[in-house]
């Protein structure tokens, strides 16, 4: 593993390197996806005659910052483990681009601004859920990754929180509709995380991470677990249409996407190969945004 010496870089290059380091520290792309899910929940929940652009923008900023702070705190806590894995050894802390102390204060600042934004511009319920999500991700899920696959269950809670935050920001309450969109994203986490854990198993073992079910083995039993949770997405995906939150068209889209997603799990059950797990991983990346966009386009006003 190499390190980066900023003293040898020009001023312009040094600024660019540090900016990229902070970009990676807050896991910008992941935080952007989290923000999209939060906005999805907000738009689905907003039923006013005039769309609340200001509140939605505040949710975007606050949600992004809380997600970014969670990701940064995760990297601080796992800095020594990140050095051991190929997929993470080029993160800014293992490369010493920024110090741990600097990353710590940056994370605290980002978290405070994020929480403050939600508090002043949304409502206490949304703020509380955002703080709960951050605490679960950083202080429960992160250490549990080295304990066992229960970490995936715990991590699925903050992972499914964004659409719930969006809904509560728009409505100020947790309703059955909110629990439906939370439930879809909660169940989706299992095939998503387990596919990633399967693909990255060798790397994860170097850091002592234990995320795969059924004793952590890449075998038929684990593949069946992935299939079962993916199967649950079929009835769950129809609930927004069934309860009148969205129309029939989005139910059809969710079903088609669910069937295609499920079909990939049968390939993994047949050969238990890394290639099949990789297909499930990419399939999970496609499933959620496509289905959420379909719900938005088919929202019943």
C-alpha atoms as a PDB file:
ATOM      1  CA  UNK A   1       0.000   0.000   0.000  1.00  0.00           C
ATOM      2  CA  UNK A   2       1.347   3.445  -0.926  1.00  0.00           C
ATOM      3  CA  UNK A   3       0.914   6.801   0.820  1.00  0.00           C
ATOM      4  CA  UNK A   4       0.484  10.245  -0.690  1.00  0.00           C
ATOM      5  CA  UNK A   5       2.986  12.999   0.179  1.00  0.00           C
ATOM      6  CA  UNK A   6       1.248  16.334  -0.309  1.00  0.00           C
ATOM      7  CA  UNK A   7       4.467  18.271   0.340  1.00  0.00           C
ATOM      8  CA  UNK A   8       5.800  17.026  -2.998  1.00  0.00           C
ATOM      9  CA  UNK A   9       2.746  18.240  -4.929  1.00  0.00           C
ATOM     10  CA  UNK A  10       2.167  21.749  -6.276  1.00  0.00           C
ATOM     11  CA  UNK A  11      -0.322  24.011  -4.506  1.00  0.00           C
ATOM     12  CA  UNK A  12      -2.980  23.408  -7.170  1.00  0.00           C
ATOM     13  CA  UNK A  13      -2.415  19.646  -7.143  1.00  0.00           C
ATOM     14  CA  UNK A  14      -2.472  19.619  -3.339  1.00  0.00           C
ATOM     15  CA  UNK A  15      -5.854  21.374  -3.249  1.00  0.00           C
ATOM     16  CA  UNK A  16      -7.208  18.968  -5.873  1.00  0.00           C
ATOM     17  CA  UNK A  17      -5.952  15.912  -3.978  1.00  0.00           C
ATOM     18  CA  UNK A  18      -7.439  17.096  -0.692  1.00  0.00           C
ATOM     19  CA  UNK A  19     -10.762  17.995  -2.309  1.00  0.00           C
ATOM     20  CA  UNK A  20     -10.938  14.525  -3.818  1.00  0.00           C
ATOM     21  CA  UNK A  21     -10.059  13.037  -0.423  1.00  0.00           C
ATOM     22  CA  UNK A  22     -13.009  14.756   1.248  1.00  0.00           C
ATOM     23  CA  UNK A  23     -15.208  13.743  -1.688  1.00  0.00           C
ATOM     24  CA  UNK A  24     -14.269  10.115  -1.036  1.00  0.00           C
ATOM     25  CA  UNK A  25     -14.434  10.464   2.752  1.00  0.00           C
ATOM     26  CA  UNK A  26     -18.131  11.357   2.665  1.00  0.00           C
ATOM     27  CA  UNK A  27     -18.742   8.606   0.089  1.00  0.00           C
ATOM     28  CA  UNK A  28     -20.242  11.165  -2.278  1.00  0.00           C
ATOM     29  CA  UNK A  29     -21.891   8.777  -4.741  1.00  0.00           C
ATOM     30  CA  UNK A  30     -23.454   6.660  -2.003  1.00  0.00           C
ATOM     31  CA  UNK A  31     -24.645   9.793  -0.200  1.00  0.00           C
ATOM     32  CA  UNK A  32     -26.156  11.048  -3.458  1.00  0.00           C
ATOM     33  CA  UNK A  33     -28.106   7.774  -3.848  1.00  0.00           C
ATOM     34  CA  UNK A  34     -29.274   8.055  -0.238  1.00  0.00           C
ATOM     35  CA  UNK A  35     -30.438  11.608  -0.956  1.00  0.00           C
ATOM     36  CA  UNK A  36     -32.348  10.425  -4.018  1.00  0.00           C
ATOM     37  CA  UNK A  37     -34.205   7.854  -1.890  1.00  0.00           C
ATOM     38  CA  UNK A  38     -35.058  10.556   0.655  1.00  0.00           C
ATOM     39  CA  UNK A  39     -36.398  12.855  -2.065  1.00  0.00           C
ATOM     40  CA  UNK A  40     -38.354   9.908  -3.448  1.00  0.00           C
ATOM     41  CA  UNK A  41     -40.079   9.501  -0.093  1.00  0.00           C
ATOM     42  CA  UNK A  42     -40.718  13.241   0.159  1.00  0.00           C
ATOM     43  CA  UNK A  43     -42.291  13.545  -3.287  1.00  0.00           C
ATOM     44  CA  UNK A  44     -44.415  10.470  -2.669  1.00  0.00           C
ATOM     45  CA  UNK A  45     -45.600  11.882   0.653  1.00  0.00           C
ATOM     46  CA  UNK A  46     -46.166  15.485  -0.387  1.00  0.00           C
ATOM     47  CA  UNK A  47     -49.855  15.985  -1.123  1.00  0.00           C
ATOM     48  CA  UNK A  48     -50.105  19.757  -0.903  1.00  0.00           C
ATOM     49  CA  UNK A  49     -51.536  21.875  -3.673  1.00  0.00           C
ATOM     50  CA  UNK A  50     -48.150  23.588  -3.962  1.00  0.00           C
ATOM     51  CA  UNK A  51     -45.003  21.481  -3.785  1.00  0.00           C
ATOM     52  CA  UNK A  52     -42.788  22.355  -0.780  1.00  0.00           C
ATOM     53  CA  UNK A  53     -39.592  23.126  -2.676  1.00  0.00           C
ATOM     54  CA  UNK A  54     -37.868  24.755   0.303  1.00  0.00           C
ATOM     55  CA  UNK A  55     -38.483  21.826   2.633  1.00  0.00           C
ATOM     56  CA  UNK A  56     -37.457  19.352  -0.074  1.00  0.00           C
ATOM     57  CA  UNK A  57     -34.201  21.240  -0.671  1.00  0.00           C
ATOM     58  CA  UNK A  58     -33.493  21.281   3.082  1.00  0.00           C
ATOM     59  CA  UNK A  59     -34.109  17.528   3.188  1.00  0.00           C
ATOM     60  CA  UNK A  60     -31.654  17.059   0.321  1.00  0.00           C
ATOM     61  CA  UNK A  61     -28.935  19.072   2.073  1.00  0.00           C
ATOM     62  CA  UNK A  62     -29.556  17.673   5.548  1.00  0.00           C
ATOM     63  CA  UNK A  63     -29.954  14.090   4.359  1.00  0.00           C
ATOM     64  CA  UNK A  64     -26.828  14.273   2.201  1.00  0.00           C
ATOM     65  CA  UNK A  65     -24.743  15.682   5.058  1.00  0.00           C
ATOM     66  CA  UNK A  66     -25.964  13.097   7.588  1.00  0.00           C
ATOM     67  CA  UNK A  67     -25.227  10.314   5.117  1.00  0.00           C
ATOM     68  CA  UNK A  68     -21.816  11.830   4.369  1.00  0.00           C
ATOM     69  CA  UNK A  69     -20.991  12.124   8.069  1.00  0.00           C
ATOM     70  CA  UNK A  70     -22.032   8.497   8.618  1.00  0.00           C
ATOM     71  CA  UNK A  71     -19.790   7.339   5.783  1.00  0.00           C
ATOM     72  CA  UNK A  72     -16.871   9.416   7.040  1.00  0.00           C
ATOM     73  CA  UNK A  73     -17.269   8.118  10.611  1.00  0.00           C
ATOM     74  CA  UNK A  74     -17.339   4.581   9.207  1.00  0.00           C
ATOM     75  CA  UNK A  75     -14.027   5.202   7.421  1.00  0.00           C
ATOM     76  CA  UNK A  76     -12.472   6.635  10.596  1.00  0.00           C
ATOM     77  CA  UNK A  77     -13.482   3.609  12.664  1.00  0.00           C
ATOM     78  CA  UNK A  78     -12.358   1.151   9.979  1.00  0.00           C
ATOM     79  CA  UNK A  79      -9.175   2.896   8.859  1.00  0.00           C
ATOM     80  CA  UNK A  80      -6.944   0.050  10.030  1.00  0.00           C
ATOM     81  CA  UNK A  81      -9.133  -2.559   8.352  1.00  0.00           C
ATOM     82  CA  UNK A  82      -9.325  -0.541   5.137  1.00  0.00           C
ATOM     83  CA  UNK A  83      -5.551  -0.874   4.824  1.00  0.00           C
ATOM     84  CA  UNK A  84      -5.956  -4.654   4.544  1.00  0.00           C
ATOM     85  CA  UNK A  85      -8.451  -4.717   1.654  1.00  0.00           C
ATOM     86  CA  UNK A  86      -7.802  -3.965  -1.998  1.00  0.00           C
ATOM     87  CA  UNK A  87     -11.187  -2.287  -2.444  1.00  0.00           C
ATOM     88  CA  UNK A  88     -10.526   0.212   0.361  1.00  0.00           C
ATOM     89  CA  UNK A  89      -6.758   0.579   0.701  1.00  0.00           C
ATOM     90  CA  UNK A  90      -6.759   3.685  -1.524  1.00  0.00           C
ATOM     91  CA  UNK A  91      -9.210   5.599   0.643  1.00  0.00           C
ATOM     92  CA  UNK A  92      -7.894   8.931   2.002  1.00  0.00           C
ATOM     93  CA  UNK A  93      -7.175   7.765   5.576  1.00  0.00           C
ATOM     94  CA  UNK A  94      -5.125   4.657   4.677  1.00  0.00           C
ATOM     95  CA  UNK A  95      -3.163   6.843   2.235  1.00  0.00           C
ATOM     96  CA  UNK A  96      -2.630   9.519   4.919  1.00  0.00           C
ATOM     97  CA  UNK A  97      -3.928  12.248   2.627  1.00  0.00           C
ATOM     98  CA  UNK A  98      -5.774  13.701   5.603  1.00  0.00           C
ATOM     99  CA  UNK A  99      -5.168  12.959   9.266  1.00  0.00           C
ATOM    100  CA  UNK A 100      -7.591  11.065  11.468  1.00  0.00           C
ATOM    101  CA  UNK A 101      -7.970  14.131  13.701  1.00  0.00           C
ATOM    102  CA  UNK A 102      -8.790  16.304  10.698  1.00  0.00           C
ATOM    103  CA  UNK A 103     -11.280  13.736   9.428  1.00  0.00           C
ATOM    104  CA  UNK A 104     -12.863  13.537  12.893  1.00  0.00           C
ATOM    105  CA  UNK A 105     -13.555  17.271  13.183  1.00  0.00           C
ATOM    106  CA  UNK A 106     -14.736  17.449   9.589  1.00  0.00           C
ATOM    107  CA  UNK A 107     -17.172  14.601  10.296  1.00  0.00           C
ATOM    108  CA  UNK A 108     -18.475  16.283  13.456  1.00  0.00           C
ATOM    109  CA  UNK A 109     -19.016  19.561  11.573  1.00  0.00           C
ATOM    110  CA  UNK A 110     -20.812  17.867   8.672  1.00  0.00           C
ATOM    111  CA  UNK A 111     -23.029  15.897  11.077  1.00  0.00           C
ATOM    112  CA  UNK A 112     -23.975  18.993  13.085  1.00  0.00           C
ATOM    113  CA  UNK A 113     -24.823  21.017   9.991  1.00  0.00           C
ATOM    114  CA  UNK A 114     -26.869  18.113   8.612  1.00  0.00           C
ATOM    115  CA  UNK A 115     -28.811  17.599  11.837  1.00  0.00           C
ATOM    116  CA  UNK A 116     -29.296  21.350  12.256  1.00  0.00           C
ATOM    117  CA  UNK A 117     -30.642  21.675   8.723  1.00  0.00           C
ATOM    118  CA  UNK A 118     -33.242  18.968   9.318  1.00  0.00           C
ATOM    119  CA  UNK A 119     -34.165  20.425  12.715  1.00  0.00           C
ATOM    120  CA  UNK A 120     -34.732  23.987  11.513  1.00  0.00           C
ATOM    121  CA  UNK A 121     -36.324  23.259   8.140  1.00  0.00           C
ATOM    122  CA  UNK A 122     -38.224  19.965   8.490  1.00  0.00           C
ATOM    123  CA  UNK A 123     -39.539  18.638  11.823  1.00  0.00           C
ATOM    124  CA  UNK A 124     -38.351  16.908  15.040  1.00  0.00           C
ATOM    125  CA  UNK A 125     -39.511  13.461  13.874  1.00  0.00           C
ATOM    126  CA  UNK A 126     -37.423  13.600  10.699  1.00  0.00           C
ATOM    127  CA  UNK A 127     -34.443  14.941  12.640  1.00  0.00           C
ATOM    128  CA  UNK A 128     -34.742  12.190  15.253  1.00  0.00           C
ATOM    129  CA  UNK A 129     -34.934   9.492  12.595  1.00  0.00           C
ATOM    130  CA  UNK A 130     -31.896  10.972  10.859  1.00  0.00           C
ATOM    131  CA  UNK A 131     -29.877  10.937  14.084  1.00  0.00           C
ATOM    132  CA  UNK A 132     -31.044   7.382  14.860  1.00  0.00           C
ATOM    133  CA  UNK A 133     -29.986   6.271  11.393  1.00  0.00           C
ATOM    134  CA  UNK A 134     -26.534   7.784  11.839  1.00  0.00           C
ATOM    135  CA  UNK A 135     -26.038   6.254  15.293  1.00  0.00           C
ATOM    136  CA  UNK A 136     -27.127   2.797  14.153  1.00  0.00           C
ATOM    137  CA  UNK A 137     -24.865   2.879  11.114  1.00  0.00           C
ATOM    138  CA  UNK A 138     -21.768   4.175  12.893  1.00  0.00           C
ATOM    139  CA  UNK A 139     -21.922   2.678  16.390  1.00  0.00           C
ATOM    140  CA  UNK A 140     -23.887  -0.541  15.894  1.00  0.00           C
ATOM    141  CA  UNK A 141     -23.619  -1.738  12.279  1.00  0.00           C
ATOM    142  CA  UNK A 142     -19.942  -0.842  11.812  1.00  0.00           C
ATOM    143  CA  UNK A 143     -18.555  -2.839  14.801  1.00  0.00           C
ATOM    144  CA  UNK A 144     -21.007  -5.710  14.176  1.00  0.00           C
ATOM    145  CA  UNK A 145     -19.463  -6.334  10.742  1.00  0.00           C
ATOM    146  CA  UNK A 146     -16.670  -8.216  12.522  1.00  0.00           C
ATOM    147  CA  UNK A 147     -19.124 -10.130  14.727  1.00  0.00           C
ATOM    148  CA  UNK A 148     -21.464 -11.844  12.286  1.00  0.00           C
ATOM    149  CA  UNK A 149     -24.204 -11.561   9.638  1.00  0.00           C
ATOM    150  CA  UNK A 150     -26.539  -9.903  12.162  1.00  0.00           C
ATOM    151  CA  UNK A 151     -24.745  -6.745  11.006  1.00  0.00           C
ATOM    152  CA  UNK A 152     -26.648  -6.934   7.722  1.00  0.00           C
ATOM    153  CA  UNK A 153     -29.987  -6.891   9.557  1.00  0.00           C
ATOM    154  CA  UNK A 154     -28.913  -3.925  11.678  1.00  0.00           C
ATOM    155  CA  UNK A 155     -27.405  -2.120   8.688  1.00  0.00           C
ATOM    156  CA  UNK A 156     -30.588  -2.603   6.700  1.00  0.00           C
ATOM    157  CA  UNK A 157     -32.428  -0.317   9.151  1.00  0.00           C
ATOM    158  CA  UNK A 158     -30.426   2.878   8.476  1.00  0.00           C
ATOM    159  CA  UNK A 159     -30.093   1.720   4.878  1.00  0.00           C
ATOM    160  CA  UNK A 160     -33.883   1.786   4.498  1.00  0.00           C
ATOM    161  CA  UNK A 161     -34.361   4.986   6.489  1.00  0.00           C
ATOM    162  CA  UNK A 162     -33.986   7.586   3.665  1.00  0.00           C
ATOM    163  CA  UNK A 163     -37.467   7.159   2.069  1.00  0.00           C
ATOM    164  CA  UNK A 164     -38.975   7.133   5.572  1.00  0.00           C
ATOM    165  CA  UNK A 165     -37.187  10.415   6.343  1.00  0.00           C
ATOM    166  CA  UNK A 166     -38.511  11.853   3.110  1.00  0.00           C
ATOM    167  CA  UNK A 167     -42.062  10.837   3.963  1.00  0.00           C
ATOM    168  CA  UNK A 168     -41.931  12.242   7.503  1.00  0.00           C
ATOM    169  CA  UNK A 169     -40.364  15.476   6.235  1.00  0.00           C
ATOM    170  CA  UNK A 170     -43.372  15.899   3.941  1.00  0.00           C
ATOM    171  CA  UNK A 171     -46.111  14.703   6.298  1.00  0.00           C
ATOM    172  CA  UNK A 172     -44.727  14.930   9.829  1.00  0.00           C
ATOM    173  CA  UNK A 173     -45.936  11.406  10.635  1.00  0.00           C
ATOM    174  CA  UNK A 174     -45.138   7.716  10.133  1.00  0.00           C
ATOM    175  CA  UNK A 175     -48.052   6.070   8.330  1.00  0.00           C
ATOM    176  CA  UNK A 176     -48.586   2.665   6.773  1.00  0.00           C
ATOM    177  CA  UNK A 177     -47.543   4.136   3.401  1.00  0.00           C
ATOM    178  CA  UNK A 178     -44.258   5.208   4.975  1.00  0.00           C
ATOM    179  CA  UNK A 179     -43.720   1.723   6.372  1.00  0.00           C
ATOM    180  CA  UNK A 180     -44.370   0.199   2.940  1.00  0.00           C
ATOM    181  CA  UNK A 181     -41.644   2.209   1.196  1.00  0.00           C
ATOM    182  CA  UNK A 182     -39.367   1.599   4.182  1.00  0.00           C
ATOM    183  CA  UNK A 183     -40.093  -2.145   3.996  1.00  0.00           C
ATOM    184  CA  UNK A 184     -39.280  -2.405   0.289  1.00  0.00           C
ATOM    185  CA  UNK A 185     -35.883  -0.791   0.757  1.00  0.00           C
ATOM    186  CA  UNK A 186     -35.272  -2.780   3.967  1.00  0.00           C
ATOM    187  CA  UNK A 187     -35.790  -6.169   2.289  1.00  0.00           C
ATOM    188  CA  UNK A 188     -33.829  -5.044  -0.790  1.00  0.00           C
ATOM    189  CA  UNK A 189     -30.775  -4.553   1.447  1.00  0.00           C
ATOM    190  CA  UNK A 190     -30.336  -8.294   2.060  1.00  0.00           C
ATOM    191  CA  UNK A 191     -29.705  -9.571  -1.486  1.00  0.00           C
ATOM    192  CA  UNK A 192     -27.810  -6.346  -2.162  1.00  0.00           C
ATOM    193  CA  UNK A 193     -25.427  -6.663   0.815  1.00  0.00           C
ATOM    194  CA  UNK A 194     -25.023 -10.422   0.534  1.00  0.00           C
ATOM    195  CA  UNK A 195     -24.157 -10.209  -3.159  1.00  0.00           C
ATOM    196  CA  UNK A 196     -21.494  -7.615  -2.347  1.00  0.00           C
ATOM    197  CA  UNK A 197     -20.220  -9.781   0.526  1.00  0.00           C
ATOM    198  CA  UNK A 198     -20.029 -12.785  -1.820  1.00  0.00           C
ATOM    199  CA  UNK A 199     -18.097 -10.864  -4.479  1.00  0.00           C
ATOM    200  CA  UNK A 200     -15.756  -9.271  -1.910  1.00  0.00           C
ATOM    201  CA  UNK A 201     -15.469 -12.313   0.367  1.00  0.00           C
ATOM    202  CA  UNK A 202     -11.690 -12.682   0.139  1.00  0.00           C
ATOM    203  CA  UNK A 203     -11.156  -8.994   0.887  1.00  0.00           C
ATOM    204  CA  UNK A 204     -13.658  -9.014   3.738  1.00  0.00           C
ATOM    205  CA  UNK A 205     -11.969 -12.020   5.353  1.00  0.00           C
ATOM    206  CA  UNK A 206      -8.672 -10.080   5.467  1.00  0.00           C
ATOM    207  CA  UNK A 207     -10.408  -7.482   7.644  1.00  0.00           C
ATOM    208  CA  UNK A 208     -12.377 -10.052   9.645  1.00  0.00           C
ATOM    209  CA  UNK A 209     -15.756  -8.950   8.296  1.00  0.00           C
ATOM    210  CA  UNK A 210     -18.463 -11.621   8.598  1.00  0.00           C
ATOM    211  CA  UNK A 211     -21.491 -10.610   6.528  1.00  0.00           C
ATOM    212  CA  UNK A 212     -22.563 -13.748   4.654  1.00  0.00           C
ATOM    213  CA  UNK A 213     -25.332 -15.850   6.276  1.00  0.00           C
ATOM    214  CA  UNK A 214     -25.261 -19.609   6.903  1.00  0.00           C
ATOM    215  CA  UNK A 215     -21.853 -19.656   8.561  1.00  0.00           C
ATOM    216  CA  UNK A 216     -20.330 -17.262   6.056  1.00  0.00           C
ATOM    217  CA  UNK A 217     -20.063 -19.853   3.303  1.00  0.00           C
ATOM    218  CA  UNK A 218     -20.451 -19.202  -0.412  1.00  0.00           C
ATOM    219  CA  UNK A 219     -22.680 -22.197  -0.985  1.00  0.00           C
ATOM    220  CA  UNK A 220     -26.213 -23.237  -1.927  1.00  0.00           C
ATOM    221  CA  UNK A 221     -27.636 -22.376   1.512  1.00  0.00           C
ATOM    222  CA  UNK A 222     -26.448 -18.777   1.225  1.00  0.00           C
ATOM    223  CA  UNK A 223     -27.725 -18.595  -2.359  1.00  0.00           C
ATOM    224  CA  UNK A 224     -31.150 -19.810  -1.180  1.00  0.00           C
ATOM    225  CA  UNK A 225     -31.209 -17.094   1.500  1.00  0.00           C
ATOM    226  CA  UNK A 226     -30.512 -14.472  -1.174  1.00  0.00           C
ATOM    227  CA  UNK A 227     -33.277 -15.939  -3.346  1.00  0.00           C
ATOM    228  CA  UNK A 228     -35.842 -15.922  -0.513  1.00  0.00           C
ATOM    229  CA  UNK A 229     -35.312 -12.254   0.353  1.00  0.00           C
ATOM    230  CA  UNK A 230     -35.409 -11.312  -3.318  1.00  0.00           C
ATOM    231  CA  UNK A 231     -38.672 -13.249  -3.642  1.00  0.00           C
ATOM    232  CA  UNK A 232     -40.202 -11.103  -0.878  1.00  0.00           C
ATOM    233  CA  UNK A 233     -39.745  -8.057  -3.110  1.00  0.00           C
ATOM    234  CA  UNK A 234     -42.456  -9.328  -5.490  1.00  0.00           C
ATOM    235  CA  UNK A 235     -45.438  -8.922  -3.123  1.00  0.00           C
ATOM    236  CA  UNK A 236     -43.865  -5.901  -1.416  1.00  0.00           C
ATOM    237  CA  UNK A 237     -43.426  -4.149  -4.736  1.00  0.00           C
ATOM    238  CA  UNK A 238     -47.179  -4.364  -5.361  1.00  0.00           C
ATOM    239  CA  UNK A 239     -48.233  -2.843  -2.028  1.00  0.00           C
ATOM    240  CA  UNK A 240     -48.001   0.828  -3.129  1.00  0.00           C
ATOM    241  CA  UNK A 241     -50.418   0.050  -5.970  1.00  0.00           C
ATOM    242  CA  UNK A 242     -52.666  -2.100  -3.768  1.00  0.00           C
ATOM    243  CA  UNK A 243     -53.077   0.650  -1.162  1.00  0.00           C
ATOM    244  CA  UNK A 244     -53.619   3.364  -3.754  1.00  0.00           C
ATOM    245  CA  UNK A 245     -50.362   5.202  -3.169  1.00  0.00           C
ATOM    246  CA  UNK A 246     -49.413   4.669  -6.817  1.00  0.00           C
ATOM    247  CA  UNK A 247     -51.195   3.343  -9.900  1.00  0.00           C
ATOM    248  CA  UNK A 248     -51.189  -0.017 -11.630  1.00  0.00           C
ATOM    249  CA  UNK A 249     -48.389   0.814 -14.070  1.00  0.00           C
ATOM    250  CA  UNK A 250     -45.741   1.093 -11.350  1.00  0.00           C
ATOM    251  CA  UNK A 251     -46.946  -2.214  -9.903  1.00  0.00           C
ATOM    252  CA  UNK A 252     -46.292  -3.843 -13.260  1.00  0.00           C
ATOM    253  CA  UNK A 253     -42.827  -2.258 -13.469  1.00  0.00           C
ATOM    254  CA  UNK A 254     -42.001  -3.396  -9.912  1.00  0.00           C
ATOM    255  CA  UNK A 255     -43.156  -6.929 -10.702  1.00  0.00           C
ATOM    256  CA  UNK A 256     -41.148  -7.161 -13.924  1.00  0.00           C
ATOM    257  CA  UNK A 257     -38.042  -5.795 -12.190  1.00  0.00           C
ATOM    258  CA  UNK A 258     -38.621  -8.171  -9.277  1.00  0.00           C
ATOM    259  CA  UNK A 259     -38.919 -11.192 -11.565  1.00  0.00           C
ATOM    260  CA  UNK A 260     -35.734 -10.255 -13.440  1.00  0.00           C
ATOM    261  CA  UNK A 261     -33.938  -9.693 -10.151  1.00  0.00           C
ATOM    262  CA  UNK A 262     -35.195 -13.030  -8.828  1.00  0.00           C
ATOM    263  CA  UNK A 263     -34.088 -14.845 -12.000  1.00  0.00           C
ATOM    264  CA  UNK A 264     -30.498 -13.824 -11.277  1.00  0.00           C
ATOM    265  CA  UNK A 265     -30.625 -15.607  -7.930  1.00  0.00           C
ATOM    266  CA  UNK A 266     -31.458 -18.923  -9.620  1.00  0.00           C
ATOM    267  CA  UNK A 267     -28.221 -18.655 -11.558  1.00  0.00           C
ATOM    268  CA  UNK A 268     -26.348 -18.257  -8.264  1.00  0.00           C
ATOM    269  CA  UNK A 269     -28.176 -21.263  -6.783  1.00  0.00           C
ATOM    270  CA  UNK A 270     -27.154 -23.324  -9.788  1.00  0.00           C
ATOM    271  CA  UNK A 271     -23.414 -22.565  -9.908  1.00  0.00           C
ATOM    272  CA  UNK A 272     -22.566 -20.597  -6.705  1.00  0.00           C
ATOM    273  CA  UNK A 273     -20.091 -18.574  -8.733  1.00  0.00           C
ATOM    274  CA  UNK A 274     -18.654 -15.104  -8.198  1.00  0.00           C
ATOM    275  CA  UNK A 275     -19.885 -14.160 -11.680  1.00  0.00           C
ATOM    276  CA  UNK A 276     -23.499 -14.903 -10.729  1.00  0.00           C
ATOM    277  CA  UNK A 277     -23.128 -12.987  -7.459  1.00  0.00           C
ATOM    278  CA  UNK A 278     -21.744 -10.050  -9.429  1.00  0.00           C
ATOM    279  CA  UNK A 279     -24.849 -10.075 -11.636  1.00  0.00           C
ATOM    280  CA  UNK A 280     -27.070  -9.952  -8.546  1.00  0.00           C
ATOM    281  CA  UNK A 281     -25.041  -7.066  -7.181  1.00  0.00           C
ATOM    282  CA  UNK A 282     -25.448  -5.030 -10.367  1.00  0.00           C
ATOM    283  CA  UNK A 283     -29.089  -6.116 -10.582  1.00  0.00           C
ATOM    284  CA  UNK A 284     -29.683  -4.706  -7.096  1.00  0.00           C
ATOM    285  CA  UNK A 285     -28.139  -1.389  -8.148  1.00  0.00           C
ATOM    286  CA  UNK A 286     -30.658  -1.202 -11.009  1.00  0.00           C
ATOM    287  CA  UNK A 287     -33.752  -2.524  -9.228  1.00  0.00           C
ATOM    288  CA  UNK A 288     -34.209   0.121  -6.550  1.00  0.00           C
ATOM    289  CA  UNK A 289     -33.875   3.357  -8.579  1.00  0.00           C
ATOM    290  CA  UNK A 290     -35.943   1.985 -11.468  1.00  0.00           C
ATOM    291  CA  UNK A 291     -38.775   0.920  -9.159  1.00  0.00           C
ATOM    292  CA  UNK A 292     -38.658   4.164  -7.174  1.00  0.00           C
ATOM    293  CA  UNK A 293     -38.754   6.263 -10.332  1.00  0.00           C
ATOM    294  CA  UNK A 294     -41.713   4.189 -11.554  1.00  0.00           C
ATOM    295  CA  UNK A 295     -43.545   4.902  -8.274  1.00  0.00           C
ATOM    296  CA  UNK A 296     -42.871   8.604  -8.622  1.00  0.00           C
ATOM    297  CA  UNK A 297     -44.113   8.749 -12.206  1.00  0.00           C
ATOM    298  CA  UNK A 298     -47.198   6.770 -11.236  1.00  0.00           C
ATOM    299  CA  UNK A 299     -48.015   8.602  -8.002  1.00  0.00           C
ATOM    300  CA  UNK A 300     -51.762   8.905  -7.342  1.00  0.00           C
ATOM    301  CA  UNK A 301     -52.455  12.590  -6.688  1.00  0.00           C
END
